[in-house]
Amino acid sequence: PEDCAVFQCRGCWAVLGDSLHLCALEEQRLGILVCISECWRPGRGWFRALLSQRASPLSAGVTNDVLCEEALMVGLDGALMGCTYNTLSCRSCGSVVGFVLYSAFRDLAYLRGFFCFFKNSIFCYLLKSKMVIEASKVKFPAVTLKD
């Protein structure tokens, strides 16, 4: 597809995922891109699968360079206030690049279990033009999870 992009860590340029697995428009309040992962299986040991993910790059939506922290965090302020989530970090440099929601209020519940990358923590390498740009400046085709 024409709009293909590779997501890279802003801190070290490690490849984190790709737009082929983009499954929702960014949530404006959170400034995120939402990627699907084959590891998410509600109620079936999903977290253990997530932690032990050994997929080859780009085959599961995210690469081995994305580390899902085991500890659950609780949002104390902002858009994630009252939500519990696991932090996503770059395995190469340790930068926080996003989160996986574990529990959330109704308006964010549709994001549970998906890899949510902070747009301000990643760059996008656009395959067609061979350019690197800030994720916040990329417009991907409309997709939604809210149905």
Protein backbone atom coordinates (compact mmCIF):
# COMPACT_ATOMS: atom_id res chain seq x y z
CA PRO A 1 0.00 0.00 0.00
CA GLU A 2 1.00 3.56 -0.71
CA ASP A 3 0.75 4.80 2.87
CA CYS A 4 3.09 2.20 4.41
CA ALA A 5 5.33 3.39 7.21
CA VAL A 6 7.69 1.86 9.72
CA PHE A 7 7.50 3.16 13.30
CA GLN A 8 10.88 3.89 14.89
CA CYS A 9 11.92 4.86 18.41
CA ARG A 10 12.64 8.56 18.66
CA GLY A 11 15.51 7.86 21.07
CA CYS A 12 17.54 5.31 19.11
CA TRP A 13 15.76 4.66 15.78
CA ALA A 14 14.99 1.01 16.62
CA VAL A 15 12.12 -0.38 14.53
CA LEU A 16 9.04 -0.80 16.74
CA GLY A 17 6.25 -1.67 14.30
CA ASP A 18 4.56 -0.76 11.05
CA SER A 19 1.43 0.87 9.68
CA LEU A 20 0.17 -2.39 8.14
CA HIS A 21 -0.91 -3.30 11.67
CA LEU A 22 -2.37 0.10 12.47
CA CYS A 23 -5.90 -0.60 13.61
CA ALA A 24 -7.32 2.71 14.78
CA LEU A 25 -7.03 6.39 14.25
CA GLU A 26 -5.05 8.13 16.90
CA GLU A 27 -6.94 8.98 20.05
CA GLN A 28 -6.60 12.79 20.02
CA ARG A 29 -6.54 13.23 23.80
CA LEU A 30 -3.74 10.71 24.18
CA GLY A 31 -1.74 11.49 21.03
CA ILE A 32 -1.32 7.81 20.14
CA LEU A 33 -1.25 5.41 17.22
CA VAL A 34 -2.93 2.06 17.92
CA CYS A 35 -1.40 -1.18 16.60
CA ILE A 36 -2.80 -4.65 16.75
CA SER A 37 -0.70 -7.51 18.06
CA GLU A 38 -1.24 -11.21 17.47
CA CYS A 39 -0.34 -11.83 21.12
CA TRP A 40 -3.54 -10.31 22.51
CA ARG A 41 -5.95 -13.05 23.48
CA PRO A 42 -8.39 -11.94 26.20
CA GLY A 43 -8.59 -14.43 29.04
CA ARG A 44 -6.02 -16.80 27.52
CA GLY A 45 -2.75 -15.94 29.19
CA TRP A 46 -2.37 -12.88 26.98
CA PHE A 47 0.11 -11.13 29.24
CA ARG A 48 2.48 -14.08 29.42
CA ALA A 49 2.33 -14.33 25.62
CA LEU A 50 2.97 -10.61 25.38
CA LEU A 51 6.05 -10.80 27.60
CA SER A 52 7.50 -13.81 25.84
CA GLN A 53 6.81 -12.53 22.33
CA ARG A 54 9.48 -13.74 19.93
CA ALA A 55 7.92 -12.69 16.64
CA SER A 56 10.09 -11.76 13.74
CA PRO A 57 10.14 -8.03 12.98
CA LEU A 58 6.83 -6.67 11.66
CA SER A 59 5.05 -10.04 11.71
CA ALA A 60 2.92 -9.34 14.77
CA GLY A 61 2.42 -5.59 14.50
CA VAL A 62 5.25 -4.81 16.87
CA THR A 63 8.84 -6.03 16.95
CA ASN A 64 10.99 -7.59 19.65
CA ASP A 65 12.35 -4.11 20.34
CA VAL A 66 9.07 -3.26 22.11
CA LEU A 67 9.22 -4.33 25.75
CA CYS A 68 5.96 -4.59 27.68
CA GLU A 69 6.71 -3.97 31.36
CA GLU A 70 5.20 -6.54 33.72
CA ALA A 71 4.13 -4.07 36.42
CA LEU A 72 0.67 -2.56 36.12
CA MET A 73 0.62 1.22 36.39
CA VAL A 74 -2.33 3.36 37.49
CA GLY A 75 -3.00 6.68 35.79
CA LEU A 76 -3.22 9.39 38.47
CA ASP A 77 -3.91 12.35 36.20
CA GLY A 78 -4.53 13.31 32.60
CA ALA A 79 -6.41 11.25 30.03
CA LEU A 80 -5.38 7.94 31.64
CA MET A 81 -6.56 8.90 35.13
CA GLY A 82 -8.14 5.85 36.78
CA CYS A 83 -6.92 3.45 34.07
CA THR A 84 -4.48 0.61 34.62
CA TYR A 85 -1.92 -0.15 31.96
CA ASN A 86 1.43 -1.72 31.16
CA THR A 87 4.16 0.60 29.93
CA LEU A 88 5.75 -0.08 26.55
CA SER A 89 9.42 0.80 26.26
CA CYS A 90 12.14 0.47 23.66
CA ARG A 91 14.30 -2.55 24.45
CA SER A 92 17.33 -0.87 22.85
CA CYS A 93 17.41 2.46 24.71
CA GLY A 94 14.76 2.18 27.45
CA SER A 95 12.63 5.11 26.23
CA VAL A 96 8.93 4.89 27.08
CA VAL A 97 7.12 4.60 23.74
CA GLY A 98 3.55 3.80 24.75
CA PHE A 99 1.26 1.55 26.76
CA VAL A 100 -1.17 -1.37 26.68
CA LEU A 101 -4.42 -0.59 28.52
CA TYR A 102 -5.48 -3.26 30.99
CA SER A 103 -8.61 -1.56 32.34
CA ALA A 104 -10.26 1.70 31.42
CA PHE A 105 -13.45 3.69 31.57
CA ARG A 106 -16.02 3.20 28.83
CA ASP A 107 -14.68 5.93 26.55
CA LEU A 108 -11.24 4.26 26.30
CA ALA A 109 -12.29 0.62 26.77
CA TYR A 110 -12.05 -0.08 23.04
CA LEU A 111 -8.25 0.37 23.33
CA ARG A 112 -7.76 -2.43 25.88
CA GLY A 113 -5.11 -4.92 24.85
CA PHE A 114 -3.78 -2.96 21.89
CA PHE A 115 -0.30 -1.52 21.56
CA CYS A 116 -0.67 2.25 21.83
CA PHE A 117 2.40 4.19 20.68
CA PHE A 118 2.84 7.80 21.81
CA LYS A 119 3.14 9.87 18.65
CA ASN A 120 5.69 12.14 20.32
CA SER A 121 7.92 9.11 21.08
CA ILE A 122 8.23 7.74 17.55
CA PHE A 123 9.28 8.66 14.05
CA CYS A 124 7.70 7.27 10.90
CA TYR A 125 9.81 6.11 7.98
CA LEU A 126 7.58 6.42 4.91
CA LEU A 127 8.47 3.61 2.54
CA LYS A 128 7.27 5.21 -0.70
CA SER A 129 9.06 8.54 -0.27
CA LYS A 130 11.93 7.13 1.84
CA MET A 131 11.50 10.00 4.30
CA VAL A 132 11.54 10.09 8.09
CA ILE A 133 8.99 12.40 9.70
CA GLU A 134 7.51 12.94 13.13
CA ALA A 135 4.56 10.64 13.77
CA SER A 136 2.42 13.61 14.78
CA LYS A 137 2.63 14.90 11.19
CA VAL A 138 1.54 11.66 9.49
CA LYS A 139 -2.08 11.17 8.41
CA PHE A 140 -2.98 7.51 8.06
CA PRO A 141 -6.18 6.20 6.41
CA ALA A 142 -9.22 6.16 8.68
CA VAL A 143 -9.79 2.95 10.63
CA THR A 144 -11.87 2.54 13.75
CA LEU A 145 -12.29 0.09 16.62
CA LYS A 146 -15.34 1.80 18.12
CA ASP A 147 -18.07 -0.28 16.42
